Each structure stands twice: as C-alpha cells, then as structure tokens.
Amino acid sequence: MTDARFAALDALTTEELRHRAFDLARDRRDLAFLVDVLQHSPDAYAYEQVDGSLGSVVTSVDEAIGMWSEFSGEGRGYGEAEPLLRAAFIDYLLRHGAA
C-alpha cells in the first residue's frame, strides 16, 4: 500500500505536492514543517544572511505560507532545492496519511 501511495504522490508535479503538503500543514497547524521547508527554499539563504534566522520571524502558519509565496514568486521554480523539497513534501504527506 505504501508503494502505491508513494508512486501516486511521486507522479504529481512539485507544485501540486507543495499545495497538498501546505494544505495539510495548515490544517494541522504544523509551523515546524513549514519553517523547515522555508529553510530549504531557493531564496532562504539570502534571507537568513540579512535576518539571521527564519525561525525568529515566522510565528504562525499563515506567515510561513506567505513567506513561501514571497520567496517563490511567479515562475522562479525550485532550483537545485527541488529534489529535496519534493522528498520533504512526499514524506510529510505519507507520514500524515494524506495521498
């Protein structure tokens, strides 16, 4: 069953995986997951150079999702972080029973 769930998720685009994982994290109020994902987003390194820590400024699930939108922008893509982010999204969805 897990192999089938993994295959179904792996067939989705990274953006669809992100939507599903973020919706689940919002429902679960899982700020830790969202901050972890933000720290691996393509623009997080530059932000942390200015601020010092994403965790210090992100205090709610809605802020984390808003920050993702700011980081990702239209058409920017995931860059070199895409394989890591795909794995994080799939793992989160599998661990929390969504597929």
PDB file of N, CA and C in Angstrom:
ATOM      1  N   MET A   1       0.826  -1.202   0.000  1.00  0.00           N
ATOM      2  CA  MET A   1       0.000   0.000   0.000  1.00  0.00           C
ATOM      3  C   MET A   1       0.862   1.255   0.000  1.00  0.00           C
ATOM      4  N   THR A   2       1.914   1.301   0.794  1.00  0.00           N
ATOM      5  CA  THR A   2       2.774   2.471   0.841  1.00  0.00           C
ATOM      6  C   THR A   2       3.437   2.719  -0.504  1.00  0.00           C
ATOM      7  N   ASP A   3       3.864   1.647  -1.189  1.00  0.00           N
ATOM      8  CA  ASP A   3       4.484   1.811  -2.505  1.00  0.00           C
ATOM      9  C   ASP A   3       3.514   2.450  -3.487  1.00  0.00           C
ATOM     10  N   ALA A   4       2.269   2.060  -3.439  1.00  0.00           N
ATOM     11  CA  ALA A   4       1.266   2.640  -4.327  1.00  0.00           C
ATOM     12  C   ALA A   4       1.023   4.103  -3.967  1.00  0.00           C
ATOM     13  N   ARG A   5       0.965   4.406  -2.680  1.00  0.00           N
ATOM     14  CA  ARG A   5       0.779   5.795  -2.247  1.00  0.00           C
ATOM     15  C   ARG A   5       1.970   6.642  -2.669  1.00  0.00           C
ATOM     16  N   PHE A   6       3.182   6.095  -2.491  1.00  0.00           N
ATOM     17  CA  PHE A   6       4.380   6.823  -2.904  1.00  0.00           C
ATOM     18  C   PHE A   6       4.355   7.082  -4.407  1.00  0.00           C
ATOM     19  N   ALA A   7       4.050   6.053  -5.177  1.00  0.00           N
ATOM     20  CA  ALA A   7       4.024   6.197  -6.635  1.00  0.00           C
ATOM     21  C   ALA A   7       3.002   7.248  -7.065  1.00  0.00           C
ATOM     22  N   ALA A   8       1.846   7.248  -6.430  1.00  0.00           N
ATOM     23  CA  ALA A   8       0.810   8.222  -6.772  1.00  0.00           C
ATOM     24  C   ALA A   8       1.282   9.641  -6.476  1.00  0.00           C
ATOM     25  N   LEU A   9       1.921   9.823  -5.327  1.00  0.00           N
ATOM     26  CA  LEU A   9       2.432  11.150  -4.980  1.00  0.00           C
ATOM     27  C   LEU A   9       3.595  11.547  -5.882  1.00  0.00           C
ATOM     28  N   ASP A  10       4.486  10.615  -6.140  1.00  0.00           N
ATOM     29  CA  ASP A  10       5.666  10.910  -6.949  1.00  0.00           C
ATOM     30  C   ASP A  10       5.289  11.297  -8.376  1.00  0.00           C
ATOM     31  N   ALA A  11       4.134  10.875  -8.834  1.00  0.00           N
ATOM     32  CA  ALA A  11       3.674  11.211 -10.185  1.00  0.00           C
ATOM     33  C   ALA A  11       3.183  12.658 -10.287  1.00  0.00           C
ATOM     34  N   LEU A  12       2.941  13.297  -9.150  1.00  0.00           N
ATOM     35  CA  LEU A  12       2.444  14.678  -9.144  1.00  0.00           C
ATOM     36  C   LEU A  12       3.583  15.662  -9.396  1.00  0.00           C
ATOM     37  N   THR A  13       3.215  16.843  -9.853  1.00  0.00           N
ATOM     38  CA  THR A  13       4.211  17.901 -10.009  1.00  0.00           C
ATOM     39  C   THR A  13       4.662  18.367  -8.619  1.00  0.00           C
ATOM     40  N   THR A  14       5.810  18.996  -8.580  1.00  0.00           N
ATOM     41  CA  THR A  14       6.307  19.522  -7.304  1.00  0.00           C
ATOM     42  C   THR A  14       5.343  20.558  -6.753  1.00  0.00           C
ATOM     43  N   GLU A  15       4.777  21.359  -7.620  1.00  0.00           N
ATOM     44  CA  GLU A  15       3.842  22.382  -7.166  1.00  0.00           C
ATOM     45  C   GLU A  15       2.580  21.769  -6.560  1.00  0.00           C
ATOM     46  N   GLU A  16       2.061  20.694  -7.158  1.00  0.00           N
ATOM     47  CA  GLU A  16       0.894  20.011  -6.589  1.00  0.00           C
ATOM     48  C   GLU A  16       1.244  19.389  -5.242  1.00  0.00           C
ATOM     49  N   LEU A  17       2.414  18.803  -5.152  1.00  0.00           N
ATOM     50  CA  LEU A  17       2.859  18.252  -3.867  1.00  0.00           C
ATOM     51  C   LEU A  17       2.926  19.346  -2.811  1.00  0.00           C
ATOM     52  N   ARG A  18       3.472  20.496  -3.193  1.00  0.00           N
ATOM     53  CA  ARG A  18       3.581  21.610  -2.251  1.00  0.00           C
ATOM     54  C   ARG A  18       2.202  22.051  -1.781  1.00  0.00           C
ATOM     55  N   HIS A  19       1.276  22.190  -2.728  1.00  0.00           N
ATOM     56  CA  HIS A  19      -0.086  22.596  -2.346  1.00  0.00           C
ATOM     57  C   HIS A  19      -0.683  21.613  -1.340  1.00  0.00           C
ATOM     58  N   ARG A  20      -0.569  20.340  -1.627  1.00  0.00           N
ATOM     59  CA  ARG A  20      -1.147  19.321  -0.731  1.00  0.00           C
ATOM     60  C   ARG A  20      -0.463  19.329   0.635  1.00  0.00           C
ATOM     61  N   ALA A  21       0.864  19.408   0.639  1.00  0.00           N
ATOM     62  CA  ALA A  21       1.600  19.407   1.909  1.00  0.00           C
ATOM     63  C   ALA A  21       1.287  20.667   2.716  1.00  0.00           C
ATOM     64  N   PHE A  22       1.236  21.820   2.053  1.00  0.00           N
ATOM     65  CA  PHE A  22       0.937  23.062   2.764  1.00  0.00           C
ATOM     66  C   PHE A  22      -0.495  23.064   3.289  1.00  0.00           C
ATOM     67  N   ASP A  23      -1.441  22.543   2.516  1.00  0.00           N
ATOM     68  CA  ASP A  23      -2.824  22.457   3.000  1.00  0.00           C
ATOM     69  C   ASP A  23      -2.902  21.579   4.243  1.00  0.00           C
ATOM     70  N   LEU A  24      -2.201  20.447   4.207  1.00  0.00           N
ATOM     71  CA  LEU A  24      -2.192  19.552   5.356  1.00  0.00           C
ATOM     72  C   LEU A  24      -1.523  20.210   6.554  1.00  0.00           C
ATOM     73  N   ALA A  25      -0.399  20.885   6.325  1.00  0.00           N
ATOM     74  CA  ALA A  25       0.302  21.570   7.418  1.00  0.00           C
ATOM     75  C   ALA A  25      -0.569  22.679   8.001  1.00  0.00           C
ATOM     76  N   ARG A  26      -1.302  23.383   7.151  1.00  0.00           N
ATOM     77  CA  ARG A  26      -2.209  24.428   7.643  1.00  0.00           C
ATOM     78  C   ARG A  26      -3.288  23.799   8.518  1.00  0.00           C
ATOM     79  N   ASP A  27      -3.874  22.697   8.050  1.00  0.00           N
ATOM     80  CA  ASP A  27      -4.913  22.015   8.830  1.00  0.00           C
ATOM     81  C   ASP A  27      -4.371  21.521  10.171  1.00  0.00           C
ATOM     82  N   ARG A  28      -3.124  21.054  10.167  1.00  0.00           N
ATOM     83  CA  ARG A  28      -2.508  20.511  11.382  1.00  0.00           C
ATOM     84  C   ARG A  28      -1.836  21.599  12.222  1.00  0.00           C
ATOM     85  N   ARG A  29      -1.812  22.832  11.704  1.00  0.00           N
ATOM     86  CA  ARG A  29      -1.126  23.961  12.364  1.00  0.00           C
ATOM     87  C   ARG A  29       0.344  23.598  12.636  1.00  0.00           C
ATOM     88  N   ASP A  30       0.973  23.004  11.626  1.00  0.00           N
ATOM     89  CA  ASP A  30       2.334  22.470  11.750  1.00  0.00           C
ATOM     90  C   ASP A  30       3.369  23.496  11.292  1.00  0.00           C
ATOM     91  N   LEU A  31       3.642  24.450  12.161  1.00  0.00           N
ATOM     92  CA  LEU A  31       4.597  25.506  11.850  1.00  0.00           C
ATOM     93  C   LEU A  31       6.015  24.956  11.674  1.00  0.00           C
ATOM     94  N   ALA A  32       6.383  23.957  12.441  1.00  0.00           N
ATOM     95  CA  ALA A  32       7.741  23.395  12.348  1.00  0.00           C
ATOM     96  C   ALA A  32       8.028  22.861  10.945  1.00  0.00           C
ATOM     97  N   PHE A  33       7.067  22.158  10.349  1.00  0.00           N
ATOM     98  CA  PHE A  33       7.254  21.647   8.993  1.00  0.00           C
ATOM     99  C   PHE A  33       7.448  22.797   8.011  1.00  0.00           C
ATOM    100  N   LEU A  34       6.621  23.809   8.112  1.00  0.00           N
ATOM    101  CA  LEU A  34       6.682  24.922   7.169  1.00  0.00           C
ATOM    102  C   LEU A  34       7.996  25.694   7.297  1.00  0.00           C
ATOM    103  N   VAL A  35       8.463  25.918   8.509  1.00  0.00           N
ATOM    104  CA  VAL A  35       9.740  26.608   8.696  1.00  0.00           C
ATOM    105  C   VAL A  35      10.873  25.765   8.125  1.00  0.00           C
ATOM    106  N   ASP A  36      10.820  24.454   8.333  1.00  0.00           N
ATOM    107  CA  ASP A  36      11.847  23.579   7.779  1.00  0.00           C
ATOM    108  C   ASP A  36      11.868  23.674   6.258  1.00  0.00           C
ATOM    109  N   VAL A  37      10.712  23.643   5.636  1.00  0.00           N
ATOM    110  CA  VAL A  37      10.634  23.747   4.181  1.00  0.00           C
ATOM    111  C   VAL A  37      11.142  25.118   3.727  1.00  0.00           C
ATOM    112  N   LEU A  38      10.766  26.167   4.430  1.00  0.00           N
ATOM    113  CA  LEU A  38      11.238  27.507   4.072  1.00  0.00           C
ATOM    114  C   LEU A  38      12.762  27.585   4.097  1.00  0.00           C
ATOM    115  N   GLN A  39      13.359  26.923   5.067  1.00  0.00           N
ATOM    116  CA  GLN A  39      14.810  26.971   5.195  1.00  0.00           C
ATOM    117  C   GLN A  39      15.506  26.282   4.030  1.00  0.00           C
ATOM    118  N   HIS A  40      14.784  25.465   3.290  1.00  0.00           N
ATOM    119  CA  HIS A  40      15.365  24.784   2.135  1.00  0.00           C
ATOM    120  C   HIS A  40      14.894  25.369   0.811  1.00  0.00           C
ATOM    121  N   SER A  41      14.156  26.473   0.880  1.00  0.00           N
ATOM    122  CA  SER A  41      13.703  27.109  -0.356  1.00  0.00           C
ATOM    123  C   SER A  41      14.883  27.818  -1.018  1.00  0.00           C
ATOM    124  N   PRO A  42      14.800  28.032  -2.322  1.00  0.00           N
ATOM    125  CA  PRO A  42      15.919  28.623  -3.052  1.00  0.00           C
ATOM    126  C   PRO A  42      16.411  29.969  -2.509  1.00  0.00           C
ATOM    127  N   ASP A  43      15.532  30.816  -1.979  1.00  0.00           N
ATOM    128  CA  ASP A  43      15.941  32.145  -1.524  1.00  0.00           C
ATOM    129  C   ASP A  43      16.163  32.249  -0.018  1.00  0.00           C
ATOM    130  N   ALA A  44      16.025  31.172   0.697  1.00  0.00           N
ATOM    131  CA  ALA A  44      16.149  31.227   2.155  1.00  0.00           C
ATOM    132  C   ALA A  44      17.539  31.645   2.603  1.00  0.00           C
ATOM    133  N   TYR A  45      18.560  31.181   1.921  1.00  0.00           N
ATOM    134  CA  TYR A  45      19.928  31.503   2.329  1.00  0.00           C
ATOM    135  C   TYR A  45      20.141  33.016   2.322  1.00  0.00           C
ATOM    136  N   ALA A  46      19.696  33.673   1.271  1.00  0.00           N
ATOM    137  CA  ALA A  46      19.864  35.121   1.183  1.00  0.00           C
ATOM    138  C   ALA A  46      19.102  35.820   2.302  1.00  0.00           C
ATOM    139  N   TYR A  47      17.900  35.338   2.601  1.00  0.00           N
ATOM    140  CA  TYR A  47      17.108  35.946   3.666  1.00  0.00           C
ATOM    141  C   TYR A  47      17.790  35.780   5.010  1.00  0.00           C
ATOM    142  N   GLU A  48      18.320  34.597   5.280  1.00  0.00           N
ATOM    143  CA  GLU A  48      18.965  34.352   6.559  1.00  0.00           C
ATOM    144  C   GLU A  48      20.233  35.173   6.724  1.00  0.00           C
ATOM    145  N   GLN A  49      20.886  35.537   5.618  1.00  0.00           N
ATOM    146  CA  GLN A  49      22.068  36.378   5.714  1.00  0.00           C
ATOM    147  C   GLN A  49      21.693  37.757   6.251  1.00  0.00           C
ATOM    148  N   VAL A  50      20.503  38.211   5.922  1.00  0.00           N
ATOM    149  CA  VAL A  50      20.039  39.514   6.385  1.00  0.00           C
ATOM    150  C   VAL A  50      19.471  39.411   7.795  1.00  0.00           C
ATOM    151  N   ASP A  51      18.624  38.427   8.033  1.00  0.00           N
ATOM    152  CA  ASP A  51      17.891  38.330   9.292  1.00  0.00           C
ATOM    153  C   ASP A  51      18.580  37.487  10.345  1.00  0.00           C
ATOM    154  N   GLY A  52      19.287  36.464   9.938  1.00  0.00           N
ATOM    155  CA  GLY A  52      19.935  35.581  10.894  1.00  0.00           C
ATOM    156  C   GLY A  52      19.204  34.282  11.105  1.00  0.00           C
ATOM    157  N   SER A  53      17.871  34.287  11.025  1.00  0.00           N
ATOM    158  CA  SER A  53      17.126  33.050  11.233  1.00  0.00           C
ATOM    159  C   SER A  53      15.682  33.217  10.796  1.00  0.00           C
ATOM    160  N   LEU A  54      15.234  32.308   9.962  1.00  0.00           N
ATOM    161  CA  LEU A  54      13.824  32.341   9.564  1.00  0.00           C
ATOM    162  C   LEU A  54      12.919  32.059  10.748  1.00  0.00           C
ATOM    163  N   GLY A  55      13.339  31.163  11.608  1.00  0.00           N
ATOM    164  CA  GLY A  55      12.519  30.781  12.753  1.00  0.00           C
ATOM    165  C   GLY A  55      12.232  31.934  13.691  1.00  0.00           C
ATOM    166  N   SER A  56      13.090  32.937  13.681  1.00  0.00           N
ATOM    167  CA  SER A  56      12.882  34.065  14.587  1.00  0.00           C
ATOM    168  C   SER A  56      11.792  35.019  14.110  1.00  0.00           C
ATOM    169  N   VAL A  57      11.463  34.979  12.818  1.00  0.00           N
ATOM    170  CA  VAL A  57      10.452  35.902  12.307  1.00  0.00           C
ATOM    171  C   VAL A  57       9.148  35.231  11.927  1.00  0.00           C
ATOM    172  N   VAL A  58       9.150  33.933  11.753  1.00  0.00           N
ATOM    173  CA  VAL A  58       7.946  33.220  11.359  1.00  0.00           C
ATOM    174  C   VAL A  58       7.284  32.676  12.617  1.00  0.00           C
ATOM    175  N   THR A  59       6.142  33.268  12.960  1.00  0.00           N
ATOM    176  CA  THR A  59       5.485  32.877  14.202  1.00  0.00           C
ATOM    177  C   THR A  59       4.119  32.239  14.001  1.00  0.00           C
ATOM    178  N   SER A  60       3.673  32.136  12.744  1.00  0.00           N
ATOM    179  CA  SER A  60       2.381  31.493  12.500  1.00  0.00           C
ATOM    180  C   SER A  60       2.424  30.733  11.180  1.00  0.00           C
ATOM    181  N   VAL A  61       1.522  29.812  11.057  1.00  0.00           N
ATOM    182  CA  VAL A  61       1.408  29.030   9.831  1.00  0.00           C
ATOM    183  C   VAL A  61       1.132  29.954   8.647  1.00  0.00           C
ATOM    184  N   ASP A  62       0.240  30.911   8.820  1.00  0.00           N
ATOM    185  CA  ASP A  62      -0.093  31.817   7.722  1.00  0.00           C
ATOM    186  C   ASP A  62       1.101  32.679   7.323  1.00  0.00           C
ATOM    187  N   GLU A  63       1.917  33.110   8.289  1.00  0.00           N
ATOM    188  CA  GLU A  63       3.132  33.860   7.955  1.00  0.00           C
ATOM    189  C   GLU A  63       4.104  33.004   7.155  1.00  0.00           C
ATOM    190  N   ALA A  64       4.246  31.750   7.556  1.00  0.00           N
ATOM    191  CA  ALA A  64       5.161  30.846   6.851  1.00  0.00           C
ATOM    192  C   ALA A  64       4.717  30.645   5.410  1.00  0.00           C
ATOM    193  N   ILE A  65       3.427  30.446   5.202  1.00  0.00           N
ATOM    194  CA  ILE A  65       2.916  30.255   3.848  1.00  0.00           C
ATOM    195  C   ILE A  65       3.061  31.544   3.040  1.00  0.00           C
ATOM    196  N   GLY A  66       2.826  32.667   3.675  1.00  0.00           N
ATOM    197  CA  GLY A  66       3.017  33.951   2.999  1.00  0.00           C
ATOM    198  C   GLY A  66       4.469  34.172   2.620  1.00  0.00           C
ATOM    199  N   MET A  67       5.375  33.791   3.498  1.00  0.00           N
ATOM    200  CA  MET A  67       6.788  33.940   3.208  1.00  0.00           C
ATOM    201  C   MET A  67       7.189  33.042   2.044  1.00  0.00           C
ATOM    202  N   TRP A  68       6.618  31.835   1.985  1.00  0.00           N
ATOM    203  CA  TRP A  68       6.907  30.950   0.849  1.00  0.00           C
ATOM    204  C   TRP A  68       6.505  31.645  -0.451  1.00  0.00           C
ATOM    205  N   SER A  69       5.322  32.265  -0.464  1.00  0.00           N
ATOM    206  CA  SER A  69       4.860  32.955  -1.665  1.00  0.00           C
ATOM    207  C   SER A  69       5.820  34.079  -2.046  1.00  0.00           C
ATOM    208  N   GLU A  70       6.320  34.793  -1.056  1.00  0.00           N
ATOM    209  CA  GLU A  70       7.277  35.866  -1.307  1.00  0.00           C
ATOM    210  C   GLU A  70       8.580  35.308  -1.880  1.00  0.00           C
ATOM    211  N   PHE A  71       9.057  34.216  -1.314  1.00  0.00           N
ATOM    212  CA  PHE A  71      10.302  33.598  -1.769  1.00  0.00           C
ATOM    213  C   PHE A  71      10.161  33.008  -3.167  1.00  0.00           C
ATOM    214  N   SER A  72       9.053  32.317  -3.402  1.00  0.00           N
ATOM    215  CA  SER A  72       8.948  31.544  -4.630  1.00  0.00           C
ATOM    216  C   SER A  72       8.577  32.392  -5.838  1.00  0.00           C
ATOM    217  N   GLY A  73       7.784  33.424  -5.655  1.00  0.00           N
ATOM    218  CA  GLY A  73       7.425  34.306  -6.760  1.00  0.00           C
ATOM    219  C   GLY A  73       6.943  33.577  -8.002  1.00  0.00           C
ATOM    220  N   GLU A  74       6.428  34.292  -8.940  1.00  0.00           N
ATOM    221  CA  GLU A  74       5.938  33.701 -10.185  1.00  0.00           C
ATOM    222  C   GLU A  74       7.095  33.227 -11.049  1.00  0.00           C
ATOM    223  N   GLY A  75       7.046  31.978 -11.426  1.00  0.00           N
ATOM    224  CA  GLY A  75       7.992  31.452 -12.391  1.00  0.00           C
ATOM    225  C   GLY A  75       9.411  31.217 -11.906  1.00  0.00           C
ATOM    226  N   ARG A  76       9.689  31.413 -10.632  1.00  0.00           N
ATOM    227  CA  ARG A  76      11.053  31.234 -10.143  1.00  0.00           C
ATOM    228  C   ARG A  76      11.462  29.773 -10.083  1.00  0.00           C
ATOM    229  N   GLY A  77      10.532  28.918  -9.775  1.00  0.00           N
ATOM    230  CA  GLY A  77      10.848  27.495  -9.673  1.00  0.00           C
ATOM    231  C   GLY A  77      11.559  27.159  -8.368  1.00  0.00           C
ATOM    232  N   TYR A  78      12.029  25.935  -8.296  1.00  0.00           N
ATOM    233  CA  TYR A  78      12.618  25.428  -7.067  1.00  0.00           C
ATOM    234  C   TYR A  78      14.139  25.323  -7.138  1.00  0.00           C
ATOM    235  N   GLY A  79      14.676  25.469  -8.325  1.00  0.00           N
ATOM    236  CA  GLY A  79      16.120  25.402  -8.491  1.00  0.00           C
ATOM    237  C   GLY A  79      16.698  24.078  -8.022  1.00  0.00           C
ATOM    238  N   GLU A  80      17.903  24.138  -7.514  1.00  0.00           N
ATOM    239  CA  GLU A  80      18.601  22.936  -7.060  1.00  0.00           C
ATOM    240  C   GLU A  80      17.939  22.287  -5.856  1.00  0.00           C
ATOM    241  N   ALA A  81      17.067  23.028  -5.177  1.00  0.00           N
ATOM    242  CA  ALA A  81      16.394  22.500  -3.989  1.00  0.00           C
ATOM    243  C   ALA A  81      15.215  21.592  -4.326  1.00  0.00           C
ATOM    244  N   GLU A  82      14.838  21.507  -5.594  1.00  0.00           N
ATOM    245  CA  GLU A  82      13.629  20.759  -5.948  1.00  0.00           C
ATOM    246  C   GLU A  82      13.641  19.303  -5.486  1.00  0.00           C
ATOM    247  N   PRO A  83      14.702  18.524  -5.697  1.00  0.00           N
ATOM    248  CA  PRO A  83      14.662  17.128  -5.231  1.00  0.00           C
ATOM    249  C   PRO A  83      14.456  17.011  -3.712  1.00  0.00           C
ATOM    250  N   LEU A  84      15.116  17.869  -2.964  1.00  0.00           N
ATOM    251  CA  LEU A  84      14.971  17.853  -1.502  1.00  0.00           C
ATOM    252  C   LEU A  84      13.558  18.245  -1.089  1.00  0.00           C
ATOM    253  N   LEU A  85      13.030  19.278  -1.728  1.00  0.00           N
ATOM    254  CA  LEU A  85      11.680  19.721  -1.389  1.00  0.00           C
ATOM    255  C   LEU A  85      10.633  18.686  -1.784  1.00  0.00           C
ATOM    256  N   ARG A  86      10.772  18.075  -2.959  1.00  0.00           N
ATOM    257  CA  ARG A  86       9.842  17.002  -3.361  1.00  0.00           C
ATOM    258  C   ARG A  86       9.837  15.903  -2.307  1.00  0.00           C
ATOM    259  N   ALA A  87      11.027  15.487  -1.888  1.00  0.00           N
ATOM    260  CA  ALA A  87      11.136  14.425  -0.878  1.00  0.00           C
ATOM    261  C   ALA A  87      10.462  14.847   0.424  1.00  0.00           C
ATOM    262  N   ALA A  88      10.655  16.095   0.828  1.00  0.00           N
ATOM    263  CA  ALA A  88      10.035  16.584   2.068  1.00  0.00           C
ATOM    264  C   ALA A  88       8.512  16.594   1.953  1.00  0.00           C
ATOM    265  N   PHE A  89       8.000  17.042   0.821  1.00  0.00           N
ATOM    266  CA  PHE A  89       6.547  17.089   0.626  1.00  0.00           C
ATOM    267  C   PHE A  89       5.959  15.676   0.632  1.00  0.00           C
ATOM    268  N   ILE A  90       6.570  14.772  -0.109  1.00  0.00           N
ATOM    269  CA  ILE A  90       6.072  13.389  -0.183  1.00  0.00           C
ATOM    270  C   ILE A  90       6.144  12.730   1.187  1.00  0.00           C
ATOM    271  N   ASP A  91       7.272  12.880   1.873  1.00  0.00           N
ATOM    272  CA  ASP A  91       7.418  12.290   3.203  1.00  0.00           C
ATOM    273  C   ASP A  91       6.345  12.808   4.152  1.00  0.00           C
ATOM    274  N   TYR A  92       6.106  14.105   4.141  1.00  0.00           N
ATOM    275  CA  TYR A  92       5.106  14.693   5.020  1.00  0.00           C
ATOM    276  C   TYR A  92       3.715  14.132   4.725  1.00  0.00           C
ATOM    277  N   LEU A  93       3.381  14.076   3.457  1.00  0.00           N
ATOM    278  CA  LEU A  93       2.068  13.546   3.079  1.00  0.00           C
ATOM    279  C   LEU A  93       1.912  12.080   3.454  1.00  0.00           C
ATOM    280  N   LEU A  94       2.958  11.293   3.261  1.00  0.00           N
ATOM    281  CA  LEU A  94       2.887   9.876   3.628  1.00  0.00           C
ATOM    282  C   LEU A  94       2.805   9.686   5.139  1.00  0.00           C
ATOM    283  N   ARG A  95       3.603  10.439   5.888  1.00  0.00           N
ATOM    284  CA  ARG A  95       3.610  10.287   7.353  1.00  0.00           C
ATOM    285  C   ARG A  95       2.293  10.677   7.994  1.00  0.00           C
ATOM    286  N   HIS A  96       1.578  11.591   7.364  1.00  0.00           N
ATOM    287  CA  HIS A  96       0.358  12.089   7.985  1.00  0.00           C
ATOM    288  C   HIS A  96      -0.905  11.598   7.278  1.00  0.00           C
ATOM    289  N   GLY A  97      -0.760  10.529   6.510  1.00  0.00           N
ATOM    290  CA  GLY A  97      -1.908   9.822   5.974  1.00  0.00           C
ATOM    291  C   GLY A  97      -2.628  10.458   4.820  1.00  0.00           C
ATOM    292  N   ALA A  98      -2.021  11.423   4.177  1.00  0.00           N
ATOM    293  CA  ALA A  98      -2.676  12.036   3.020  1.00  0.00           C
ATOM    294  C   ALA A  98      -2.032  11.514   1.747  1.00  0.00           C
ATOM    295  N   ALA A  99      -2.823  11.164   0.794  1.00  0.00           N
ATOM    296  CA  ALA A  99      -2.275  10.730  -0.505  1.00  0.00           C
ATOM    297  C   ALA A  99      -3.341  10.805  -1.567  1.00  0.00           C
TER     298      ALA A  99
END
